[in-house]
């Protein structure tokens, strides 16, 4: 976390909450990795700001990736446009 302390802004969490979240997500990713099915290669845990993935490789230890999700609570999401209800029957259109 210290390597990123000057570069990461987490609007929804204090630094202490962010650190606790990282530890929690890492524990969840480890559990998901250890209990994955025989055909699966990854253990993943995520929240709105961070995704942690453990990936099986050729060595004895998995690779770990920590991704910071690009998200802004200030980004406006447009509402999906709904189709107007049909007010005429099919017979009326001929």
PDB file of N, CA and C in Angstrom:
ATOM      1  N   UNK A   1       0.824  -1.190   0.000  1.00  0.00           N
ATOM      2  CA  UNK A   1       0.000   0.000   0.000  1.00  0.00           C
ATOM      3  C   UNK A   1       0.869   1.255   0.000  1.00  0.00           C
ATOM      4  N   UNK A   2       2.022   1.212   0.673  1.00  0.00           N
ATOM      5  CA  UNK A   2       2.876   2.395   0.705  1.00  0.00           C
ATOM      6  C   UNK A   2       3.389   2.767  -0.675  1.00  0.00           C
ATOM      7  N   UNK A   3       3.571   1.785  -1.545  1.00  0.00           N
ATOM      8  CA  UNK A   3       4.049   2.077  -2.890  1.00  0.00           C
ATOM      9  C   UNK A   3       3.035   2.907  -3.671  1.00  0.00           C
ATOM     10  N   UNK A   4       1.765   2.832  -3.305  1.00  0.00           N
ATOM     11  CA  UNK A   4       0.715   3.540  -4.032  1.00  0.00           C
ATOM     12  C   UNK A   4       0.147   4.733  -3.261  1.00  0.00           C
ATOM     13  N   UNK A   5       0.633   5.006  -2.071  1.00  0.00           N
ATOM     14  CA  UNK A   5      -0.026   5.997  -1.221  1.00  0.00           C
ATOM     15  C   UNK A   5      -0.075   7.393  -1.826  1.00  0.00           C
ATOM     16  N   UNK A   6       0.810   7.719  -2.741  1.00  0.00           N
ATOM     17  CA  UNK A   6       0.798   9.043  -3.348  1.00  0.00           C
ATOM     18  C   UNK A   6       0.051   9.076  -4.674  1.00  0.00           C
ATOM     19  N   UNK A   7      -0.443   7.920  -5.104  1.00  0.00           N
ATOM     20  CA  UNK A   7      -1.038   7.849  -6.429  1.00  0.00           C
ATOM     21  C   UNK A   7      -2.491   7.393  -6.446  1.00  0.00           C
ATOM     22  N   UNK A   8      -2.974   6.855  -5.373  1.00  0.00           N
ATOM     23  CA  UNK A   8      -4.327   6.315  -5.351  1.00  0.00           C
ATOM     24  C   UNK A   8      -5.227   7.230  -4.541  1.00  0.00           C
ATOM     25  N   UNK A   9      -6.343   7.569  -5.119  1.00  0.00           N
ATOM     26  CA  UNK A   9      -7.356   8.334  -4.393  1.00  0.00           C
ATOM     27  C   UNK A   9      -8.577   7.445  -4.266  1.00  0.00           C
ATOM     28  N   UNK A  10      -9.009   7.245  -3.075  1.00  0.00           N
ATOM     29  CA  UNK A  10     -10.168   6.404  -2.824  1.00  0.00           C
ATOM     30  C   UNK A  10     -11.203   7.273  -2.122  1.00  0.00           C
ATOM     31  N   UNK A  11     -12.181   7.738  -2.836  1.00  0.00           N
ATOM     32  CA  UNK A  11     -13.125   8.721  -2.325  1.00  0.00           C
ATOM     33  C   UNK A  11     -14.008   8.161  -1.221  1.00  0.00           C
ATOM     34  N   UNK A  12     -14.387   6.906  -1.336  1.00  0.00           N
ATOM     35  CA  UNK A  12     -15.356   6.329  -0.404  1.00  0.00           C
ATOM     36  C   UNK A  12     -14.758   5.809   0.892  1.00  0.00           C
ATOM     37  N   UNK A  13     -13.418   5.742   1.005  1.00  0.00           N
ATOM     38  CA  UNK A  13     -12.814   5.113   2.176  1.00  0.00           C
ATOM     39  C   UNK A  13     -11.668   5.956   2.720  1.00  0.00           C
ATOM     40  N   UNK A  14     -11.507   5.907   4.017  1.00  0.00           N
ATOM     41  CA  UNK A  14     -10.336   6.507   4.638  1.00  0.00           C
ATOM     42  C   UNK A  14      -9.145   5.591   4.376  1.00  0.00           C
ATOM     43  N   UNK A  15      -7.907   6.056   4.570  1.00  0.00           N
ATOM     44  CA  UNK A  15      -6.763   5.158   4.387  1.00  0.00           C
ATOM     45  C   UNK A  15      -6.836   3.903   5.248  1.00  0.00           C
ATOM     46  N   UNK A  16      -7.311   4.029   6.484  1.00  0.00           N
ATOM     47  CA  UNK A  16      -7.445   2.852   7.347  1.00  0.00           C
ATOM     48  C   UNK A  16      -8.494   1.883   6.818  1.00  0.00           C
ATOM     49  N   UNK A  17      -9.615   2.415   6.341  1.00  0.00           N
ATOM     50  CA  UNK A  17     -10.655   1.559   5.767  1.00  0.00           C
ATOM     51  C   UNK A  17     -10.150   0.883   4.496  1.00  0.00           C
ATOM     52  N   UNK A  18      -9.375   1.622   3.702  1.00  0.00           N
ATOM     53  CA  UNK A  18      -8.820   1.063   2.472  1.00  0.00           C
ATOM     54  C   UNK A  18      -7.854  -0.076   2.782  1.00  0.00           C
ATOM     55  N   UNK A  19      -6.993   0.107   3.782  1.00  0.00           N
ATOM     56  CA  UNK A  19      -6.059  -0.937   4.173  1.00  0.00           C
ATOM     57  C   UNK A  19      -6.803  -2.176   4.667  1.00  0.00           C
ATOM     58  N   UNK A  20      -7.838  -1.973   5.491  1.00  0.00           N
ATOM     59  CA  UNK A  20      -8.630  -3.095   5.983  1.00  0.00           C
ATOM     60  C   UNK A  20      -9.326  -3.808   4.821  1.00  0.00           C
ATOM     61  N   UNK A  21      -9.801  -3.028   3.853  1.00  0.00           N
ATOM     62  CA  UNK A  21     -10.454  -3.609   2.680  1.00  0.00           C
ATOM     63  C   UNK A  21      -9.480  -4.463   1.882  1.00  0.00           C
ATOM     64  N   UNK A  22      -8.235  -3.992   1.706  1.00  0.00           N
ATOM     65  CA  UNK A  22      -7.239  -4.777   0.980  1.00  0.00           C
ATOM     66  C   UNK A  22      -6.957  -6.108   1.676  1.00  0.00           C
ATOM     67  N   UNK A  23      -6.794  -6.067   3.003  1.00  0.00           N
ATOM     68  CA  UNK A  23      -6.550  -7.307   3.742  1.00  0.00           C
ATOM     69  C   UNK A  23      -7.735  -8.260   3.611  1.00  0.00           C
ATOM     70  N   UNK A  24      -8.943  -7.722   3.701  1.00  0.00           N
ATOM     71  CA  UNK A  24     -10.138  -8.556   3.590  1.00  0.00           C
ATOM     72  C   UNK A  24     -10.259  -9.165   2.190  1.00  0.00           C
ATOM     73  N   UNK A  25     -10.045  -8.344   1.167  1.00  0.00           N
ATOM     74  CA  UNK A  25     -10.139  -8.850  -0.204  1.00  0.00           C
ATOM     75  C   UNK A  25      -9.059  -9.889  -0.488  1.00  0.00           C
ATOM     76  N   UNK A  26      -7.863  -9.672   0.028  1.00  0.00           N
ATOM     77  CA  UNK A  26      -6.798 -10.648  -0.176  1.00  0.00           C
ATOM     78  C   UNK A  26      -7.143 -11.981   0.478  1.00  0.00           C
ATOM     79  N   UNK A  27      -7.704 -11.925   1.685  1.00  0.00           N
ATOM     80  CA  UNK A  27      -8.122 -13.164   2.368  1.00  0.00           C
ATOM     81  C   UNK A  27      -9.210 -13.874   1.562  1.00  0.00           C
ATOM     82  N   UNK A  28     -10.163 -13.122   1.017  1.00  0.00           N
ATOM     83  CA  UNK A  28     -11.226 -13.725   0.198  1.00  0.00           C
ATOM     84  C   UNK A  28     -10.671 -14.329  -1.087  1.00  0.00           C
ATOM     85  N   UNK A  29      -9.710 -13.635  -1.719  1.00  0.00           N
ATOM     86  CA  UNK A  29      -9.109 -14.150  -2.951  1.00  0.00           C
ATOM     87  C   UNK A  29      -8.328 -15.430  -2.670  1.00  0.00           C
ATOM     88  N   UNK A  30      -7.610 -15.474  -1.547  1.00  0.00           N
ATOM     89  CA  UNK A  30      -6.873 -16.682  -1.175  1.00  0.00           C
ATOM     90  C   UNK A  30      -7.835 -17.840  -0.948  1.00  0.00           C
ATOM     91  N   UNK A  31      -8.930 -17.581  -0.234  1.00  0.00           N
ATOM     92  CA  UNK A  31      -9.910 -18.636   0.016  1.00  0.00           C
ATOM     93  C   UNK A  31     -10.526 -19.122  -1.302  1.00  0.00           C
ATOM     94  N   UNK A  32     -10.866 -18.181  -2.190  1.00  0.00           N
ATOM     95  CA  UNK A  32     -11.442 -18.562  -3.488  1.00  0.00           C
ATOM     96  C   UNK A  32     -10.437 -19.364  -4.307  1.00  0.00           C
ATOM     97  N   UNK A  33      -9.161 -18.995  -4.231  1.00  0.00           N
ATOM     98  CA  UNK A  33      -8.113 -19.722  -4.966  1.00  0.00           C
ATOM     99  C   UNK A  33      -7.936 -21.129  -4.416  1.00  0.00           C
ATOM    100  N   UNK A  34      -7.913 -21.244  -3.093  1.00  0.00           N
ATOM    101  CA  UNK A  34      -7.691 -22.548  -2.467  1.00  0.00           C
ATOM    102  C   UNK A  34      -8.880 -23.494  -2.633  1.00  0.00           C
ATOM    103  N   UNK A  35     -10.074 -22.963  -2.795  1.00  0.00           N
ATOM    104  CA  UNK A  35     -11.275 -23.807  -2.908  1.00  0.00           C
ATOM    105  C   UNK A  35     -11.829 -23.848  -4.334  1.00  0.00           C
ATOM    106  N   UNK A  36     -11.042 -23.385  -5.312  1.00  0.00           N
ATOM    107  CA  UNK A  36     -11.519 -23.356  -6.701  1.00  0.00           C
ATOM    108  C   UNK A  36     -11.680 -24.783  -7.225  1.00  0.00           C
ATOM    109  N   UNK A  37     -12.471 -24.924  -8.240  1.00  0.00           N
ATOM    110  CA  UNK A  37     -12.685 -26.222  -8.862  1.00  0.00           C
ATOM    111  C   UNK A  37     -11.459 -26.692  -9.622  1.00  0.00           C
ATOM    112  N   UNK A  38     -11.424 -27.965 -10.022  1.00  0.00           N
ATOM    113  CA  UNK A  38     -10.243 -28.531 -10.688  1.00  0.00           C
ATOM    114  C   UNK A  38      -9.938 -27.891 -12.045  1.00  0.00           C
ATOM    115  N   UNK A  39     -10.920 -27.354 -12.716  1.00  0.00           N
ATOM    116  CA  UNK A  39     -10.699 -26.748 -14.033  1.00  0.00           C
ATOM    117  C   UNK A  39     -10.473 -25.238 -13.964  1.00  0.00           C
ATOM    118  N   UNK A  40     -10.524 -24.653 -12.771  1.00  0.00           N
ATOM    119  CA  UNK A  40     -10.385 -23.202 -12.629  1.00  0.00           C
ATOM    120  C   UNK A  40      -8.957 -22.838 -12.258  1.00  0.00           C
ATOM    121  N   UNK A  41      -8.515 -21.656 -12.701  1.00  0.00           N
ATOM    122  CA  UNK A  41      -7.132 -21.232 -12.486  1.00  0.00           C
ATOM    123  C   UNK A  41      -7.021 -19.977 -11.620  1.00  0.00           C
ATOM    124  N   UNK A  42      -8.140 -19.387 -11.205  1.00  0.00           N
ATOM    125  CA  UNK A  42      -8.085 -18.096 -10.537  1.00  0.00           C
ATOM    126  C   UNK A  42      -8.887 -18.083  -9.233  1.00  0.00           C
ATOM    127  N   UNK A  43      -8.505 -17.182  -8.355  1.00  0.00           N
ATOM    128  CA  UNK A  43      -9.284 -16.821  -7.183  1.00  0.00           C
ATOM    129  C   UNK A  43      -9.456 -15.316  -7.235  1.00  0.00           C
ATOM    130  N   UNK A  44     -10.673 -14.840  -7.194  1.00  0.00           N
ATOM    131  CA  UNK A  44     -10.945 -13.407  -7.385  1.00  0.00           C
ATOM    132  C   UNK A  44     -11.786 -12.887  -6.226  1.00  0.00           C
ATOM    133  N   UNK A  45     -11.455 -11.666  -5.793  1.00  0.00           N
ATOM    134  CA  UNK A  45     -12.267 -10.946  -4.814  1.00  0.00           C
ATOM    135  C   UNK A  45     -12.278  -9.485  -5.239  1.00  0.00           C
ATOM    136  N   UNK A  46     -13.417  -8.817  -5.095  1.00  0.00           N
ATOM    137  CA  UNK A  46     -13.497  -7.437  -5.532  1.00  0.00           C
ATOM    138  C   UNK A  46     -14.518  -6.646  -4.739  1.00  0.00           C
ATOM    139  N   UNK A  47     -14.328  -5.338  -4.768  1.00  0.00           N
ATOM    140  CA  UNK A  47     -15.337  -4.408  -4.296  1.00  0.00           C
ATOM    141  C   UNK A  47     -15.409  -3.297  -5.346  1.00  0.00           C
ATOM    142  N   UNK A  48     -16.023  -2.188  -5.027  1.00  0.00           N
ATOM    143  CA  UNK A  48     -16.201  -1.143  -6.040  1.00  0.00           C
ATOM    144  C   UNK A  48     -14.887  -0.486  -6.457  1.00  0.00           C
ATOM    145  N   UNK A  49     -13.879  -0.481  -5.580  1.00  0.00           N
ATOM    146  CA  UNK A  49     -12.640   0.211  -5.895  1.00  0.00           C
ATOM    147  C   UNK A  49     -11.486  -0.705  -6.317  1.00  0.00           C
ATOM    148  N   UNK A  50     -11.446  -1.931  -5.825  1.00  0.00           N
ATOM    149  CA  UNK A  50     -10.278  -2.795  -6.019  1.00  0.00           C
ATOM    150  C   UNK A  50     -10.709  -4.206  -6.418  1.00  0.00           C
ATOM    151  N   UNK A  51      -9.937  -4.814  -7.316  1.00  0.00           N
ATOM    152  CA  UNK A  51     -10.093  -6.222  -7.662  1.00  0.00           C
ATOM    153  C   UNK A  51      -8.766  -6.913  -7.395  1.00  0.00           C
ATOM    154  N   UNK A  52      -8.796  -8.026  -6.685  1.00  0.00           N
ATOM    155  CA  UNK A  52      -7.598  -8.830  -6.431  1.00  0.00           C
ATOM    156  C   UNK A  52      -7.811 -10.188  -7.078  1.00  0.00           C
ATOM    157  N   UNK A  53      -6.832 -10.615  -7.868  1.00  0.00           N
ATOM    158  CA  UNK A  53      -6.922 -11.900  -8.551  1.00  0.00           C
ATOM    159  C   UNK A  53      -5.640 -12.691  -8.289  1.00  0.00           C
ATOM    160  N   UNK A  54      -5.800 -13.939  -7.898  1.00  0.00           N
ATOM    161  CA  UNK A  54      -4.687 -14.871  -7.758  1.00  0.00           C
ATOM    162  C   UNK A  54      -4.792 -15.852  -8.919  1.00  0.00           C
ATOM    163  N   UNK A  55      -3.701 -16.004  -9.675  1.00  0.00           N
ATOM    164  CA  UNK A  55      -3.719 -16.848 -10.863  1.00  0.00           C
ATOM    165  C   UNK A  55      -2.687 -17.957 -10.746  1.00  0.00           C
ATOM    166  N   UNK A  56      -3.119 -19.154 -11.048  1.00  0.00           N
ATOM    167  CA  UNK A  56      -2.231 -20.312 -11.065  1.00  0.00           C
ATOM    168  C   UNK A  56      -1.169 -20.108 -12.146  1.00  0.00           C
ATOM    169  N   UNK A  57       0.077 -20.490 -11.833  1.00  0.00           N
ATOM    170  CA  UNK A  57       1.138 -20.456 -12.839  1.00  0.00           C
ATOM    171  C   UNK A  57       1.934 -21.744 -12.756  1.00  0.00           C
ATOM    172  N   UNK A  58       3.050 -21.798 -13.440  1.00  0.00           N
ATOM    173  CA  UNK A  58       3.844 -23.022 -13.482  1.00  0.00           C
ATOM    174  C   UNK A  58       4.617 -23.265 -12.193  1.00  0.00           C
ATOM    175  N   UNK A  59       4.844 -22.235 -11.388  1.00  0.00           N
ATOM    176  CA  UNK A  59       5.575 -22.376 -10.133  1.00  0.00           C
ATOM    177  C   UNK A  59       4.661 -22.793  -8.994  1.00  0.00           C
ATOM    178  N   UNK A  60       5.219 -22.954  -7.798  1.00  0.00           N
ATOM    179  CA  UNK A  60       4.420 -23.401  -6.654  1.00  0.00           C
ATOM    180  C   UNK A  60       3.520 -22.311  -6.072  1.00  0.00           C
ATOM    181  N   UNK A  61       3.832 -21.047  -6.345  1.00  0.00           N
ATOM    182  CA  UNK A  61       3.043 -19.948  -5.784  1.00  0.00           C
ATOM    183  C   UNK A  61       2.248 -19.255  -6.885  1.00  0.00           C
ATOM    184  N   UNK A  62       1.027 -18.826  -6.592  1.00  0.00           N
ATOM    185  CA  UNK A  62       0.235 -18.135  -7.612  1.00  0.00           C
ATOM    186  C   UNK A  62       0.739 -16.711  -7.838  1.00  0.00           C
ATOM    187  N   UNK A  63       0.379 -16.162  -8.983  1.00  0.00           N
ATOM    188  CA  UNK A  63       0.634 -14.755  -9.267  1.00  0.00           C
ATOM    189  C   UNK A  63      -0.493 -13.939  -8.656  1.00  0.00           C
ATOM    190  N   UNK A  64      -0.197 -12.738  -8.199  1.00  0.00           N
ATOM    191  CA  UNK A  64      -1.210 -11.877  -7.585  1.00  0.00           C
ATOM    192  C   UNK A  64      -1.295 -10.582  -8.378  1.00  0.00           C
ATOM    193  N   UNK A  65      -2.502 -10.230  -8.777  1.00  0.00           N
ATOM    194  CA  UNK A  65      -2.746  -8.961  -9.456  1.00  0.00           C
ATOM    195  C   UNK A  65      -3.710  -8.132  -8.639  1.00  0.00           C
ATOM    196  N   UNK A  66      -3.385  -6.859  -8.462  1.00  0.00           N
ATOM    197  CA  UNK A  66      -4.265  -5.928  -7.758  1.00  0.00           C
ATOM    198  C   UNK A  66      -4.612  -4.833  -8.754  1.00  0.00           C
ATOM    199  N   UNK A  67      -5.892  -4.696  -9.033  1.00  0.00           N
ATOM    200  CA  UNK A  67      -6.372  -3.736 -10.019  1.00  0.00           C
ATOM    201  C   UNK A  67      -7.237  -2.699  -9.322  1.00  0.00           C
ATOM    202  N   UNK A  68      -6.984  -1.463  -9.640  1.00  0.00           N
ATOM    203  CA  UNK A  68      -7.808  -0.384  -9.114  1.00  0.00           C
ATOM    204  C   UNK A  68      -8.874  -0.080 -10.151  1.00  0.00           C
ATOM    205  N   UNK A  69     -10.127  -0.304  -9.778  1.00  0.00           N
ATOM    206  CA  UNK A  69     -11.238  -0.130 -10.697  1.00  0.00           C
ATOM    207  C   UNK A  69     -11.421   1.354 -11.001  1.00  0.00           C
ATOM    208  N   UNK A  70     -11.536   1.680 -12.259  1.00  0.00           N
ATOM    209  CA  UNK A  70     -11.757   3.068 -12.654  1.00  0.00           C
ATOM    210  C   UNK A  70     -13.231   3.373 -12.475  1.00  0.00           C
ATOM    211  N   UNK A  71     -13.509   4.154 -11.460  1.00  0.00           N
ATOM    212  CA  UNK A  71     -14.895   4.438 -11.099  1.00  0.00           C
ATOM    213  C   UNK A  71     -14.955   5.819 -10.472  1.00  0.00           C
ATOM    214  N   UNK A  72     -15.966   6.542 -10.789  1.00  0.00           N
ATOM    215  CA  UNK A  72     -16.198   7.813 -10.127  1.00  0.00           C
ATOM    216  C   UNK A  72     -17.662   7.890  -9.735  1.00  0.00           C
ATOM    217  N   UNK A  73     -17.933   8.167  -8.466  1.00  0.00           N
ATOM    218  CA  UNK A  73     -19.334   8.309  -8.072  1.00  0.00           C
ATOM    219  C   UNK A  73     -19.966   9.553  -8.679  1.00  0.00           C
ATOM    220  N   UNK A  74     -19.147  10.416  -9.250  1.00  0.00           N
ATOM    221  CA  UNK A  74     -19.667  11.645  -9.847  1.00  0.00           C
ATOM    222  C   UNK A  74     -20.034  11.477 -11.308  1.00  0.00           C
ATOM    223  N   UNK A  75     -19.674  10.341 -11.901  1.00  0.00           N
ATOM    224  CA  UNK A  75     -20.027  10.079 -13.290  1.00  0.00           C
ATOM    225  C   UNK A  75     -21.523   9.831 -13.370  1.00  0.00           C
ATOM    226  N   UNK A  76     -22.169  10.539 -14.263  1.00  0.00           N
ATOM    227  CA  UNK A  76     -23.620  10.384 -14.403  1.00  0.00           C
ATOM    228  C   UNK A  76     -23.903   9.238 -15.368  1.00  0.00           C
ATOM    229  N   UNK A  77     -24.770   8.349 -14.922  1.00  0.00           N
ATOM    230  CA  UNK A  77     -25.193   7.234 -15.760  1.00  0.00           C
ATOM    231  C   UNK A  77     -26.578   7.563 -16.288  1.00  0.00           C
ATOM    232  N   UNK A  78     -26.707   7.594 -17.602  1.00  0.00           N
ATOM    233  CA  UNK A  78     -28.001   7.874 -18.191  1.00  0.00           C
ATOM    234  C   UNK A  78     -28.981   6.735 -17.962  1.00  0.00           C
ATOM    235  N   UNK A  79     -30.210   7.094 -17.793  1.00  0.00           N
ATOM    236  CA  UNK A  79     -31.252   6.096 -17.637  1.00  0.00           C
ATOM    237  C   UNK A  79     -31.512   5.443 -18.990  1.00  0.00           C
ATOM    238  N   UNK A  80     -31.713   4.144 -19.029  1.00  0.00           N
ATOM    239  CA  UNK A  80     -32.031   3.511 -20.313  1.00  0.00           C
ATOM    240  C   UNK A  80     -33.376   4.010 -20.815  1.00  0.00           C
ATOM    241  N   UNK A  81     -33.425   4.235 -22.119  1.00  0.00           N
ATOM    242  CA  UNK A  81     -34.677   4.707 -22.698  1.00  0.00           C
ATOM    243  C   UNK A  81     -35.618   3.522 -22.877  1.00  0.00           C
ATOM    244  N   UNK A  82     -36.824   3.705 -22.431  1.00  0.00           N
ATOM    245  CA  UNK A  82     -37.830   2.662 -22.555  1.00  0.00           C
ATOM    246  C   UNK A  82     -38.639   2.898 -23.816  1.00  0.00           C
ATOM    247  N   UNK A  83     -39.037   1.823 -24.447  1.00  0.00           N
ATOM    248  CA  UNK A  83     -39.866   1.939 -25.639  1.00  0.00           C
ATOM    249  C   UNK A  83     -41.249   2.445 -25.238  1.00  0.00           C
ATOM    250  N   UNK A  84     -41.831   3.249 -26.101  1.00  0.00           N
ATOM    251  CA  UNK A  84     -43.181   3.754 -25.845  1.00  0.00           C
ATOM    252  C   UNK A  84     -44.172   2.604 -25.963  1.00  0.00           C
ATOM    253  N   UNK A  85     -45.168   2.558 -25.100  1.00  0.00           N
ATOM    254  CA  UNK A  85     -46.153   1.476 -25.186  1.00  0.00           C
ATOM    255  C   UNK A  85     -46.963   1.570 -26.473  1.00  0.00           C
ATOM    256  N   UNK A  86     -47.304   0.414 -27.002  1.00  0.00           N
ATOM    257  CA  UNK A  86     -48.126   0.348 -28.203  1.00  0.00           C
ATOM    258  C   UNK A  86     -49.559   0.664 -27.822  1.00  0.00           C
ATOM    259  N   UNK A  87     -50.130   1.659 -28.485  1.00  0.00           N
ATOM    260  CA  UNK A  87     -51.503   2.052 -28.164  1.00  0.00           C
ATOM    261  C   UNK A  87     -52.499   1.611 -29.220  1.00  0.00           C
ATOM    262  N   UNK A  88     -52.002   1.101 -30.377  1.00  0.00           N
ATOM    263  CA  UNK A  88     -52.904   0.656 -31.428  1.00  0.00           C
ATOM    264  C   UNK A  88     -52.753  -0.851 -31.602  1.00  0.00           C
ATOM    265  N   UNK A  89     -53.780  -1.493 -32.016  1.00  0.00           N
ATOM    266  CA  UNK A  89     -53.717  -2.928 -32.262  1.00  0.00           C
ATOM    267  C   UNK A  89     -53.078  -3.160 -33.641  1.00  0.00           C
ATOM    268  N   UNK A  90     -52.665  -4.377 -33.882  1.00  0.00           N
ATOM    269  CA  UNK A  90     -52.029  -4.728 -35.143  1.00  0.00           C
ATOM    270  C   UNK A  90     -53.015  -4.562 -36.306  1.00  0.00           C
ATOM    271  N   UNK A  91     -54.284  -4.864 -36.080  1.00  0.00           N
ATOM    272  CA  UNK A  91     -55.290  -4.747 -37.160  1.00  0.00           C
ATOM    273  C   UNK A  91     -55.453  -3.308 -37.624  1.00  0.00           C
ATOM    274  N   UNK A  92     -55.247  -2.301 -36.717  1.00  0.00           N
ATOM    275  CA  UNK A  92     -55.426  -0.903 -37.065  1.00  0.00           C
ATOM    276  C   UNK A  92     -54.329  -0.384 -37.986  1.00  0.00           C
ATOM    277  N   UNK A  93     -53.214  -1.081 -38.100  1.00  0.00           N
ATOM    278  CA  UNK A  93     -52.091  -0.599 -38.892  1.00  0.00           C
ATOM    279  C   UNK A  93     -52.208  -0.964 -40.364  1.00  0.00           C
ATOM    280  N   UNK A  94     -53.191  -1.745 -40.792  1.00  0.00           N
ATOM    281  CA  UNK A  94     -53.329  -2.131 -42.202  1.00  0.00           C
ATOM    282  C   UNK A  94     -54.169  -1.154 -42.966  1.00  0.00           C
TER     283      UNK A  94
END
